[in-house]
Amino acid sequence: SFAVVVALDHVPPTVPVPVVSGMPFVLGTDPRGALSDLHRALELARRR
């Protein structure tokens, strides 16, 4: 039921949806890479 998973804990590699790291948000580092990954994953979900 999910289009994208943002992971703060371990997510098994068998999960069949895109997984994006949420750690940049937690650590206070630059989240641009994670946001770019999220954007691509949402676009893929929209196309599906």
ModelCIF file with pLDDT and N, C-alpha, C, O atoms, coordinates in Angstrom:
data_MODEL
#
_entry.id   MODEL 
#
_entity.id                         1 
_entity.type                       polymer 
_entity.pdbx_number_of_molecules   1 
#
_entity_poly.entity_id                      1 
_entity_poly.type                           'polypeptide(L)' 
_entity_poly.nstd_linkage                   no 
_entity_poly.nstd_monomer                   no 
_entity_poly.pdbx_seq_one_letter_code       SFAVVVALDHVPPTVPVPVVSGMPFVLGTDPRGALSDLHRALELARRR 
_entity_poly.pdbx_seq_one_letter_code_can   SFAVVVALDHVPPTVPVPVVSGMPFVLGTDPRGALSDLHRALELARRR 
_entity_poly.pdbx_strand_id                 A 
#
loop_
_entity_poly_seq.entity_id 
_entity_poly_seq.num 
_entity_poly_seq.mon_id 
_entity_poly_seq.hetero 
1 1  SER n 
1 2  PHE n 
1 3  ALA n 
1 4  VAL n 
1 5  VAL n 
1 6  VAL n 
1 7  ALA n 
1 8  LEU n 
1 9  ASP n 
1 10 HIS n 
1 11 VAL n 
1 12 PRO n 
1 13 PRO n 
1 14 THR n 
1 15 VAL n 
1 16 PRO n 
1 17 VAL n 
1 18 PRO n 
1 19 VAL n 
1 20 VAL n 
1 21 SER n 
1 22 GLY n 
1 23 MET n 
1 24 PRO n 
1 25 PHE n 
1 26 VAL n 
1 27 LEU n 
1 28 GLY n 
1 29 THR n 
1 30 ASP n 
1 31 PRO n 
1 32 ARG n 
1 33 GLY n 
1 34 ALA n 
1 35 LEU n 
1 36 SER n 
1 37 ASP n 
1 38 LEU n 
1 39 HIS n 
1 40 ARG n 
1 41 ALA n 
1 42 LEU n 
1 43 GLU n 
1 44 LEU n 
1 45 ALA n 
1 46 ARG n 
1 47 ARG n 
1 48 ARG n 
#
_struct_asym.id          A 
_struct_asym.entity_id   1 
#
loop_
_ma_qa_metric.id 
_ma_qa_metric.mode 
_ma_qa_metric.name 
_ma_qa_metric.software_group_id 
_ma_qa_metric.type 
1 global pLDDT . pLDDT 
2 local  pLDDT . pLDDT 
#
_ma_qa_metric_global.metric_id      1 
_ma_qa_metric_global.metric_value   91.15 
_ma_qa_metric_global.model_id       1 
_ma_qa_metric_global.ordinal_id     1 
#
loop_
_ma_qa_metric_local.label_asym_id 
_ma_qa_metric_local.label_comp_id 
_ma_qa_metric_local.label_seq_id 
_ma_qa_metric_local.metric_id 
_ma_qa_metric_local.metric_value 
_ma_qa_metric_local.model_id 
_ma_qa_metric_local.ordinal_id 
A SER 1  2 87.00 1 1  
A PHE 2  2 92.00 1 2  
A ALA 3  2 92.00 1 3  
A VAL 4  2 94.00 1 4  
A VAL 5  2 95.00 1 5  
A VAL 6  2 96.00 1 6  
A ALA 7  2 96.00 1 7  
A LEU 8  2 95.00 1 8  
A ASP 9  2 92.00 1 9  
A HIS 10 2 90.00 1 10 
A VAL 11 2 91.00 1 11 
A PRO 12 2 87.00 1 12 
A PRO 13 2 86.00 1 13 
A THR 14 2 85.00 1 14 
A VAL 15 2 88.00 1 15 
A PRO 16 2 89.00 1 16 
A VAL 17 2 90.00 1 17 
A PRO 18 2 92.00 1 18 
A VAL 19 2 94.00 1 19 
A VAL 20 2 95.00 1 20 
A SER 21 2 94.00 1 21 
A GLY 22 2 93.00 1 22 
A MET 23 2 93.00 1 23 
A PRO 24 2 93.00 1 24 
A PHE 25 2 89.00 1 25 
A VAL 26 2 89.00 1 26 
A LEU 27 2 91.00 1 27 
A GLY 28 2 88.00 1 28 
A THR 29 2 92.00 1 29 
A ASP 30 2 92.00 1 30 
A PRO 31 2 92.00 1 31 
A ARG 32 2 92.00 1 32 
A GLY 33 2 93.00 1 33 
A ALA 34 2 93.00 1 34 
A LEU 35 2 93.00 1 35 
A SER 36 2 94.00 1 36 
A ASP 37 2 94.00 1 37 
A LEU 38 2 94.00 1 38 
A HIS 39 2 92.00 1 39 
A ARG 40 2 93.00 1 40 
A ALA 41 2 91.00 1 41 
A LEU 42 2 92.00 1 42 
A GLU 43 2 91.00 1 43 
A LEU 44 2 89.00 1 44 
A ALA 45 2 86.00 1 45 
A ARG 46 2 85.00 1 46 
A ARG 47 2 89.00 1 47 
A ARG 48 2 82.00 1 48 
#
loop_
_atom_site.group_PDB 
_atom_site.id 
_atom_site.type_symbol 
_atom_site.label_atom_id 
_atom_site.label_alt_id 
_atom_site.label_comp_id 
_atom_site.label_asym_id 
_atom_site.label_entity_id 
_atom_site.label_seq_id 
_atom_site.pdbx_PDB_ins_code 
_atom_site.Cartn_x 
_atom_site.Cartn_y 
_atom_site.Cartn_z 
_atom_site.occupancy 
_atom_site.B_iso_or_equiv 
_atom_site.pdbx_formal_charge 
_atom_site.auth_seq_id 
_atom_site.auth_comp_id 
_atom_site.auth_asym_id 
_atom_site.auth_atom_id 
_atom_site.pdbx_PDB_model_num 
ATOM 1   N N  . SER A 1 1  ? 0.804  -1.216 0.000   1.00 87.00 ? 1  SER A N  1 
ATOM 2   C CA . SER A 1 1  ? 0.000  0.000  0.000   1.00 87.00 ? 1  SER A CA 1 
ATOM 3   C C  . SER A 1 1  ? 0.844  1.276  0.000   1.00 87.00 ? 1  SER A C  1 
ATOM 4   O O  . SER A 1 1  ? 0.293  2.376  0.058   1.00 87.00 ? 1  SER A O  1 
ATOM 5   N N  . PHE A 1 2  ? 2.171  1.144  -0.064  1.00 92.00 ? 2  PHE A N  1 
ATOM 6   C CA . PHE A 1 2  ? 3.044  2.316  -0.027  1.00 92.00 ? 2  PHE A CA 1 
ATOM 7   C C  . PHE A 1 2  ? 3.719  2.534  -1.372  1.00 92.00 ? 2  PHE A C  1 
ATOM 8   O O  . PHE A 1 2  ? 4.090  1.581  -2.058  1.00 92.00 ? 2  PHE A O  1 
ATOM 9   N N  . ALA A 1 3  ? 3.872  3.805  -1.742  1.00 92.00 ? 3  ALA A N  1 
ATOM 10  C CA . ALA A 1 3  ? 4.569  4.153  -2.978  1.00 92.00 ? 3  ALA A CA 1 
ATOM 11  C C  . ALA A 1 3  ? 6.070  4.233  -2.750  1.00 92.00 ? 3  ALA A C  1 
ATOM 12  O O  . ALA A 1 3  ? 6.865  3.875  -3.619  1.00 92.00 ? 3  ALA A O  1 
ATOM 13  N N  . VAL A 1 4  ? 6.448  4.710  -1.563  1.00 94.00 ? 4  VAL A N  1 
ATOM 14  C CA . VAL A 1 4  ? 7.859  4.926  -1.215  1.00 94.00 ? 4  VAL A CA 1 
ATOM 15  C C  . VAL A 1 4  ? 8.027  4.636  0.266   1.00 94.00 ? 4  VAL A C  1 
ATOM 16  O O  . VAL A 1 4  ? 7.116  4.870  1.061   1.00 94.00 ? 4  VAL A O  1 
ATOM 17  N N  . VAL A 1 5  ? 9.197  4.124  0.636   1.00 95.00 ? 5  VAL A N  1 
ATOM 18  C CA . VAL A 1 5  ? 9.546  3.919  2.041   1.00 95.00 ? 5  VAL A CA 1 
ATOM 19  C C  . VAL A 1 5  ? 10.726 4.829  2.363   1.00 95.00 ? 5  VAL A C  1 
ATOM 20  O O  . VAL A 1 5  ? 11.735 4.829  1.657   1.00 95.00 ? 5  VAL A O  1 
ATOM 21  N N  . VAL A 1 6  ? 10.588 5.602  3.437   1.00 96.00 ? 6  VAL A N  1 
ATOM 22  C CA . VAL A 1 6  ? 11.704 6.394  3.958   1.00 96.00 ? 6  VAL A CA 1 
ATOM 23  C C  . VAL A 1 6  ? 12.172 5.678  5.212   1.00 96.00 ? 6  VAL A C  1 
ATOM 24  O O  . VAL A 1 6  ? 11.441 5.595  6.199   1.00 96.00 ? 6  VAL A O  1 
ATOM 25  N N  . ALA A 1 7  ? 13.394 5.161  5.170   1.00 96.00 ? 7  ALA A N  1 
ATOM 26  C CA . ALA A 1 7  ? 13.869 4.256  6.215   1.00 96.00 ? 7  ALA A CA 1 
ATOM 27  C C  . ALA A 1 7  ? 14.725 4.970  7.255   1.00 96.00 ? 7  ALA A C  1 
ATOM 28  O O  . ALA A 1 7  ? 15.705 5.639  6.930   1.00 96.00 ? 7  ALA A O  1 
ATOM 29  N N  . LEU A 1 8  ? 14.325 4.807  8.513   1.00 95.00 ? 8  LEU A N  1 
ATOM 30  C CA . LEU A 1 8  ? 15.154 5.214  9.647   1.00 95.00 ? 8  LEU A CA 1 
ATOM 31  C C  . LEU A 1 8  ? 15.655 3.984  10.382  1.00 95.00 ? 8  LEU A C  1 
ATOM 32  O O  . LEU A 1 8  ? 16.601 4.064  11.165  1.00 95.00 ? 8  LEU A O  1 
ATOM 33  N N  . ASP A 1 9  ? 15.027 2.859  10.134  1.00 92.00 ? 9  ASP A N  1 
ATOM 34  C CA . ASP A 1 9  ? 15.427 1.563  10.669  1.00 92.00 ? 9  ASP A CA 1 
ATOM 35  C C  . ASP A 1 9  ? 15.700 0.640  9.484   1.00 92.00 ? 9  ASP A C  1 
ATOM 36  O O  . ASP A 1 9  ? 15.449 0.995  8.332   1.00 92.00 ? 9  ASP A O  1 
ATOM 37  N N  . HIS A 1 10 ? 16.209 -0.531 9.784   1.00 90.00 ? 10 HIS A N  1 
ATOM 38  C CA . HIS A 1 10 ? 16.520 -1.491 8.723   1.00 90.00 ? 10 HIS A CA 1 
ATOM 39  C C  . HIS A 1 10 ? 15.256 -1.891 7.967   1.00 90.00 ? 10 HIS A C  1 
ATOM 40  O O  . HIS A 1 10 ? 14.227 -2.204 8.566   1.00 90.00 ? 10 HIS A O  1 
ATOM 41  N N  . VAL A 1 11 ? 15.354 -1.873 6.667   1.00 91.00 ? 11 VAL A N  1 
ATOM 42  C CA . VAL A 1 11 ? 14.278 -2.347 5.796   1.00 91.00 ? 11 VAL A CA 1 
ATOM 43  C C  . VAL A 1 11 ? 14.855 -3.482 4.959   1.00 91.00 ? 11 VAL A C  1 
ATOM 44  O O  . VAL A 1 11 ? 15.869 -3.296 4.287   1.00 91.00 ? 11 VAL A O  1 
ATOM 45  N N  . PRO A 1 12 ? 14.229 -4.647 4.988   1.00 87.00 ? 12 PRO A N  1 
ATOM 46  C CA . PRO A 1 12 ? 14.758 -5.774 4.224   1.00 87.00 ? 12 PRO A CA 1 
ATOM 47  C C  . PRO A 1 12 ? 14.867 -5.435 2.734   1.00 87.00 ? 12 PRO A C  1 
ATOM 48  O O  . PRO A 1 12 ? 14.013 -4.729 2.198   1.00 87.00 ? 12 PRO A O  1 
ATOM 49  N N  . PRO A 1 13 ? 15.893 -5.926 2.075   1.00 86.00 ? 13 PRO A N  1 
ATOM 50  C CA . PRO A 1 13 ? 16.070 -5.626 0.654   1.00 86.00 ? 13 PRO A CA 1 
ATOM 51  C C  . PRO A 1 13 ? 14.987 -6.232 -0.233  1.00 86.00 ? 13 PRO A C  1 
ATOM 52  O O  . PRO A 1 13 ? 14.906 -5.905 -1.417  1.00 86.00 ? 13 PRO A O  1 
ATOM 53  N N  . THR A 1 14 ? 14.165 -7.100 0.316   1.00 85.00 ? 14 THR A N  1 
ATOM 54  C CA . THR A 1 14 ? 13.102 -7.725 -0.471  1.00 85.00 ? 14 THR A CA 1 
ATOM 55  C C  . THR A 1 14 ? 11.848 -6.857 -0.570  1.00 85.00 ? 14 THR A C  1 
ATOM 56  O O  . THR A 1 14 ? 10.901 -7.226 -1.264  1.00 85.00 ? 14 THR A O  1 
ATOM 57  N N  . VAL A 1 15 ? 11.825 -5.719 0.108   1.00 88.00 ? 15 VAL A N  1 
ATOM 58  C CA . VAL A 1 15 ? 10.663 -4.828 0.034   1.00 88.00 ? 15 VAL A CA 1 
ATOM 59  C C  . VAL A 1 15 ? 10.536 -4.339 -1.410  1.00 88.00 ? 15 VAL A C  1 
ATOM 60  O O  . VAL A 1 15 ? 11.485 -3.779 -1.958  1.00 88.00 ? 15 VAL A O  1 
ATOM 61  N N  . PRO A 1 16 ? 9.369  -4.548 -2.031  1.00 89.00 ? 16 PRO A N  1 
ATOM 62  C CA . PRO A 1 16 ? 9.234  -4.279 -3.468  1.00 89.00 ? 16 PRO A CA 1 
ATOM 63  C C  . PRO A 1 16 ? 8.893  -2.833 -3.855  1.00 89.00 ? 16 PRO A C  1 
ATOM 64  O O  . PRO A 1 16 ? 8.370  -2.599 -4.945  1.00 89.00 ? 16 PRO A O  1 
ATOM 65  N N  . VAL A 1 17 ? 9.174  -1.888 -3.002  1.00 90.00 ? 17 VAL A N  1 
ATOM 66  C CA . VAL A 1 17 ? 8.964  -0.475 -3.339  1.00 90.00 ? 17 VAL A CA 1 
ATOM 67  C C  . VAL A 1 17 ? 10.273 0.273  -3.106  1.00 90.00 ? 17 VAL A C  1 
ATOM 68  O O  . VAL A 1 17 ? 11.125 -0.197 -2.351  1.00 90.00 ? 17 VAL A O  1 
ATOM 69  N N  . PRO A 1 18 ? 10.444 1.435  -3.746  1.00 92.00 ? 18 PRO A N  1 
ATOM 70  C CA . PRO A 1 18 ? 11.681 2.195  -3.549  1.00 92.00 ? 18 PRO A CA 1 
ATOM 71  C C  . PRO A 1 18 ? 11.881 2.573  -2.080  1.00 92.00 ? 18 PRO A C  1 
ATOM 72  O O  . PRO A 1 18 ? 10.935 2.953  -1.390  1.00 92.00 ? 18 PRO A O  1 
ATOM 73  N N  . VAL A 1 19 ? 13.125 2.462  -1.615  1.00 94.00 ? 19 VAL A N  1 
ATOM 74  C CA . VAL A 1 19 ? 13.482 2.810  -0.241  1.00 94.00 ? 19 VAL A CA 1 
ATOM 75  C C  . VAL A 1 19 ? 14.479 3.967  -0.289  1.00 94.00 ? 19 VAL A C  1 
ATOM 76  O O  . VAL A 1 19 ? 15.489 3.904  -0.990  1.00 94.00 ? 19 VAL A O  1 
ATOM 77  N N  . VAL A 1 20 ? 14.179 5.023  0.467   1.00 95.00 ? 20 VAL A N  1 
ATOM 78  C CA . VAL A 1 20 ? 15.014 6.217  0.553   1.00 95.00 ? 20 VAL A CA 1 
ATOM 79  C C  . VAL A 1 20 ? 15.488 6.349  1.995   1.00 95.00 ? 20 VAL A C  1 
ATOM 80  O O  . VAL A 1 20 ? 14.716 6.117  2.925   1.00 95.00 ? 20 VAL A O  1 
ATOM 81  N N  . SER A 1 21 ? 16.741 6.718  2.184   1.00 94.00 ? 21 SER A N  1 
ATOM 82  C CA . SER A 1 21 ? 17.260 6.904  3.541   1.00 94.00 ? 21 SER A CA 1 
ATOM 83  C C  . SER A 1 21 ? 16.698 8.177  4.159   1.00 94.00 ? 21 SER A C  1 
ATOM 84  O O  . SER A 1 21 ? 16.687 9.234  3.529   1.00 94.00 ? 21 SER A O  1 
ATOM 85  N N  . GLY A 1 22 ? 16.239 8.063  5.381   1.00 93.00 ? 22 GLY A N  1 
ATOM 86  C CA . GLY A 1 22 ? 15.758 9.226  6.113   1.00 93.00 ? 22 GLY A CA 1 
ATOM 87  C C  . GLY A 1 22 ? 16.803 9.793  7.053   1.00 93.00 ? 22 GLY A C  1 
ATOM 88  O O  . GLY A 1 22 ? 16.542 10.780 7.740   1.00 93.00 ? 22 GLY A O  1 
ATOM 89  N N  . MET A 1 23 ? 17.979 9.190  7.095   1.00 93.00 ? 23 MET A N  1 
ATOM 90  C CA . MET A 1 23 ? 18.997 9.617  8.058   1.00 93.00 ? 23 MET A CA 1 
ATOM 91  C C  . MET A 1 23 ? 19.489 11.050 7.866   1.00 93.00 ? 23 MET A C  1 
ATOM 92  O O  . MET A 1 23 ? 19.797 11.696 8.867   1.00 93.00 ? 23 MET A O  1 
ATOM 93  N N  . PRO A 1 24 ? 19.584 11.593 6.648   1.00 93.00 ? 24 PRO A N  1 
ATOM 94  C CA . PRO A 1 24 ? 20.015 12.998 6.548   1.00 93.00 ? 24 PRO A CA 1 
ATOM 95  C C  . PRO A 1 24 ? 19.116 13.958 7.340   1.00 93.00 ? 24 PRO A C  1 
ATOM 96  O O  . PRO A 1 24 ? 19.588 14.968 7.862   1.00 93.00 ? 24 PRO A O  1 
ATOM 97  N N  . PHE A 1 25 ? 17.823 13.638 7.423   1.00 89.00 ? 25 PHE A N  1 
ATOM 98  C CA . PHE A 1 25 ? 16.902 14.485 8.185   1.00 89.00 ? 25 PHE A CA 1 
ATOM 99  C C  . PHE A 1 25 ? 17.159 14.377 9.680   1.00 89.00 ? 25 PHE A C  1 
ATOM 100 O O  . PHE A 1 25 ? 17.040 15.361 10.410  1.00 89.00 ? 25 PHE A O  1 
ATOM 101 N N  . VAL A 1 26 ? 17.508 13.194 10.126  1.00 89.00 ? 26 VAL A N  1 
ATOM 102 C CA . VAL A 1 26 ? 17.756 12.952 11.546  1.00 89.00 ? 26 VAL A CA 1 
ATOM 103 C C  . VAL A 1 26 ? 19.100 13.536 11.975  1.00 89.00 ? 26 VAL A C  1 
ATOM 104 O O  . VAL A 1 26 ? 19.220 14.122 13.051  1.00 89.00 ? 26 VAL A O  1 
ATOM 105 N N  . LEU A 1 27 ? 20.107 13.369 11.120  1.00 91.00 ? 27 LEU A N  1 
ATOM 106 C CA . LEU A 1 27 ? 21.460 13.811 11.468  1.00 91.00 ? 27 LEU A CA 1 
ATOM 107 C C  . LEU A 1 27 ? 21.690 15.300 11.232  1.00 91.00 ? 27 LEU A C  1 
ATOM 108 O O  . LEU A 1 27 ? 22.697 15.855 11.671  1.00 91.00 ? 27 LEU A O  1 
ATOM 109 N N  . GLY A 1 28 ? 20.761 15.937 10.543  1.00 88.00 ? 28 GLY A N  1 
ATOM 110 C CA . GLY A 1 28 ? 20.921 17.362 10.272  1.00 88.00 ? 28 GLY A CA 1 
ATOM 111 C C  . GLY A 1 28 ? 21.898 17.643 9.142   1.00 88.00 ? 28 GLY A C  1 
ATOM 112 O O  . GLY A 1 28 ? 22.385 18.766 9.009   1.00 88.00 ? 28 GLY A O  1 
ATOM 113 N N  . THR A 1 29 ? 22.188 16.638 8.328   1.00 92.00 ? 29 THR A N  1 
ATOM 114 C CA . THR A 1 29 ? 23.076 16.848 7.180   1.00 92.00 ? 29 THR A CA 1 
ATOM 115 C C  . THR A 1 29 ? 22.232 17.284 5.981   1.00 92.00 ? 29 THR A C  1 
ATOM 116 O O  . THR A 1 29 ? 21.004 17.317 6.056   1.00 92.00 ? 29 THR A O  1 
ATOM 117 N N  . ASP A 1 30 ? 22.886 17.609 4.903   1.00 92.00 ? 30 ASP A N  1 
ATOM 118 C CA . ASP A 1 30 ? 22.198 18.096 3.709   1.00 92.00 ? 30 ASP A CA 1 
ATOM 119 C C  . ASP A 1 30 ? 21.299 16.994 3.139   1.00 92.00 ? 30 ASP A C  1 
ATOM 120 O O  . ASP A 1 30 ? 21.803 15.950 2.725   1.00 92.00 ? 30 ASP A O  1 
ATOM 121 N N  . PRO A 1 31 ? 19.985 17.205 3.109   1.00 92.00 ? 31 PRO A N  1 
ATOM 122 C CA . PRO A 1 31 ? 19.072 16.154 2.649   1.00 92.00 ? 31 PRO A CA 1 
ATOM 123 C C  . PRO A 1 31 ? 18.806 16.178 1.146   1.00 92.00 ? 31 PRO A C  1 
ATOM 124 O O  . PRO A 1 31 ? 17.925 15.458 0.675   1.00 92.00 ? 31 PRO A O  1 
ATOM 125 N N  . ARG A 1 32 ? 19.534 16.977 0.387   1.00 92.00 ? 32 ARG A N  1 
ATOM 126 C CA . ARG A 1 32 ? 19.222 17.099 -1.043  1.00 92.00 ? 32 ARG A CA 1 
ATOM 127 C C  . ARG A 1 32 ? 19.263 15.762 -1.777  1.00 92.00 ? 32 ARG A C  1 
ATOM 128 O O  . ARG A 1 32 ? 18.420 15.511 -2.638  1.00 92.00 ? 32 ARG A O  1 
ATOM 129 N N  . GLY A 1 33 ? 20.221 14.905 -1.456  1.00 93.00 ? 33 GLY A N  1 
ATOM 130 C CA . GLY A 1 33 ? 20.284 13.598 -2.111  1.00 93.00 ? 33 GLY A CA 1 
ATOM 131 C C  . GLY A 1 33 ? 19.060 12.756 -1.802  1.00 93.00 ? 33 GLY A C  1 
ATOM 132 O O  . GLY A 1 33 ? 18.485 12.136 -2.696  1.00 93.00 ? 33 GLY A O  1 
ATOM 133 N N  . ALA A 1 34 ? 18.659 12.733 -0.531  1.00 93.00 ? 34 ALA A N  1 
ATOM 134 C CA . ALA A 1 34 ? 17.474 11.961 -0.139  1.00 93.00 ? 34 ALA A CA 1 
ATOM 135 C C  . ALA A 1 34 ? 16.217 12.538 -0.781  1.00 93.00 ? 34 ALA A C  1 
ATOM 136 O O  . ALA A 1 34 ? 15.342 11.787 -1.212  1.00 93.00 ? 34 ALA A O  1 
ATOM 137 N N  . LEU A 1 35 ? 16.119 13.869 -0.850  1.00 93.00 ? 35 LEU A N  1 
ATOM 138 C CA . LEU A 1 35 ? 14.947 14.486 -1.468  1.00 93.00 ? 35 LEU A CA 1 
ATOM 139 C C  . LEU A 1 35 ? 14.909 14.208 -2.962  1.00 93.00 ? 35 LEU A C  1 
ATOM 140 O O  . LEU A 1 35 ? 13.836 14.006 -3.530  1.00 93.00 ? 35 LEU A O  1 
ATOM 141 N N  . SER A 1 36 ? 16.057 14.196 -3.591  1.00 94.00 ? 36 SER A N  1 
ATOM 142 C CA . SER A 1 36 ? 16.125 13.867 -5.011  1.00 94.00 ? 36 SER A CA 1 
ATOM 143 C C  . SER A 1 36 ? 15.679 12.420 -5.243  1.00 94.00 ? 36 SER A C  1 
ATOM 144 O O  . SER A 1 36 ? 14.933 12.138 -6.181  1.00 94.00 ? 36 SER A O  1 
ATOM 145 N N  . ASP A 1 37 ? 16.144 11.506 -4.381  1.00 94.00 ? 37 ASP A N  1 
ATOM 146 C CA . ASP A 1 37 ? 15.719 10.104 -4.469  1.00 94.00 ? 37 ASP A CA 1 
ATOM 147 C C  . ASP A 1 37 ? 14.207 9.990  -4.258  1.00 94.00 ? 37 ASP A C  1 
ATOM 148 O O  . ASP A 1 37 ? 13.532 9.237  -4.960  1.00 94.00 ? 37 ASP A O  1 
ATOM 149 N N  . LEU A 1 38 ? 13.684 10.739 -3.291  1.00 94.00 ? 38 LEU A N  1 
ATOM 150 C CA . LEU A 1 38 ? 12.254 10.718 -3.002  1.00 94.00 ? 38 LEU A CA 1 
ATOM 151 C C  . LEU A 1 38 ? 11.471 11.223 -4.211  1.00 94.00 ? 38 LEU A C  1 
ATOM 152 O O  . LEU A 1 38 ? 10.459 10.636 -4.594  1.00 94.00 ? 38 LEU A O  1 
ATOM 153 N N  . HIS A 1 39 ? 11.941 12.304 -4.802  1.00 92.00 ? 39 HIS A N  1 
ATOM 154 C CA . HIS A 1 39 ? 11.279 12.870 -5.976  1.00 92.00 ? 39 HIS A CA 1 
ATOM 155 C C  . HIS A 1 39 ? 11.212 11.840 -7.111  1.00 92.00 ? 39 HIS A C  1 
ATOM 156 O O  . HIS A 1 39 ? 10.164 11.662 -7.732  1.00 92.00 ? 39 HIS A O  1 
ATOM 157 N N  . ARG A 1 40 ? 12.324 11.172 -7.375  1.00 93.00 ? 40 ARG A N  1 
ATOM 158 C CA . ARG A 1 40 ? 12.350 10.150 -8.428  1.00 93.00 ? 40 ARG A CA 1 
ATOM 159 C C  . ARG A 1 40 ? 11.411 8.983  -8.102  1.00 93.00 ? 40 ARG A C  1 
ATOM 160 O O  . ARG A 1 40 ? 10.710 8.479  -8.980  1.00 93.00 ? 40 ARG A O  1 
ATOM 161 N N  . ALA A 1 41 ? 11.403 8.562  -6.844  1.00 91.00 ? 41 ALA A N  1 
ATOM 162 C CA . ALA A 1 41 ? 10.544 7.445  -6.446  1.00 91.00 ? 41 ALA A CA 1 
ATOM 163 C C  . ALA A 1 41 ? 9.066  7.810  -6.566  1.00 91.00 ? 41 ALA A C  1 
ATOM 164 O O  . ALA A 1 41 ? 8.257  6.988  -6.997  1.00 91.00 ? 41 ALA A O  1 
ATOM 165 N N  . LEU A 1 42 ? 8.710  9.037  -6.189  1.00 92.00 ? 42 LEU A N  1 
ATOM 166 C CA . LEU A 1 42 ? 7.323  9.471  -6.320  1.00 92.00 ? 42 LEU A CA 1 
ATOM 167 C C  . LEU A 1 42 ? 6.907  9.587  -7.786  1.00 92.00 ? 42 LEU A C  1 
ATOM 168 O O  . LEU A 1 42 ? 5.773  9.276  -8.148  1.00 92.00 ? 42 LEU A O  1 
ATOM 169 N N  . GLU A 1 43 ? 7.830  10.034 -8.612  1.00 91.00 ? 43 GLU A N  1 
ATOM 170 C CA . GLU A 1 43 ? 7.540  10.121 -10.044 1.00 91.00 ? 43 GLU A CA 1 
ATOM 171 C C  . GLU A 1 43 ? 7.324  8.725  -10.623 1.00 91.00 ? 43 GLU A C  1 
ATOM 172 O O  . GLU A 1 43 ? 6.417  8.521  -11.430 1.00 91.00 ? 43 GLU A O  1 
ATOM 173 N N  . LEU A 1 44 ? 8.143  7.776  -10.221 1.00 89.00 ? 44 LEU A N  1 
ATOM 174 C CA . LEU A 1 44 ? 7.958  6.393  -10.662 1.00 89.00 ? 44 LEU A CA 1 
ATOM 175 C C  . LEU A 1 44 ? 6.614  5.851  -10.208 1.00 89.00 ? 44 LEU A C  1 
ATOM 176 O O  . LEU A 1 44 ? 5.916  5.189  -10.977 1.00 89.00 ? 44 LEU A O  1 
ATOM 177 N N  . ALA A 1 45 ? 6.246  6.132  -8.949  1.00 86.00 ? 45 ALA A N  1 
ATOM 178 C CA . ALA A 1 45 ? 4.961  5.676  -8.429  1.00 86.00 ? 45 ALA A CA 1 
ATOM 179 C C  . ALA A 1 45 ? 3.810  6.308  -9.203  1.00 86.00 ? 45 ALA A C  1 
ATOM 180 O O  . ALA A 1 45 ? 2.806  5.651  -9.481  1.00 86.00 ? 45 ALA A O  1 
ATOM 181 N N  . ARG A 1 46 ? 3.957  7.581  -9.548  1.00 85.00 ? 46 ARG A N  1 
ATOM 182 C CA . ARG A 1 46 ? 2.907  8.263  -10.317 1.00 85.00 ? 46 ARG A CA 1 
ATOM 183 C C  . ARG A 1 46 ? 2.739  7.584  -11.681 1.00 85.00 ? 46 ARG A C  1 
ATOM 184 O O  . ARG A 1 46 ? 1.616  7.378  -12.141 1.00 85.00 ? 46 ARG A O  1 
ATOM 185 N N  . ARG A 1 47 ? 3.839  7.246  -12.310 1.00 89.00 ? 47 ARG A N  1 
ATOM 186 C CA . ARG A 1 47 ? 3.758  6.579  -13.612 1.00 89.00 ? 47 ARG A CA 1 
ATOM 187 C C  . ARG A 1 47 ? 3.135  5.196  -13.516 1.00 89.00 ? 47 ARG A C  1 
ATOM 188 O O  . ARG A 1 47 ? 2.457  4.747  -14.440 1.00 89.00 ? 47 ARG A O  1 
ATOM 189 N N  . ARG A 1 48 ? 3.368  4.517  -12.388 1.00 82.00 ? 48 ARG A N  1 
ATOM 190 C CA . ARG A 1 48 ? 2.776  3.185  -12.166 1.00 82.00 ? 48 ARG A CA 1 
ATOM 191 C C  . ARG A 1 48 ? 1.310  3.285  -11.793 1.00 82.00 ? 48 ARG A C  1 
ATOM 192 O O  . ARG A 1 48 ? 0.658  2.265  -11.572 1.00 82.00 ? 48 ARG A O  1 
#
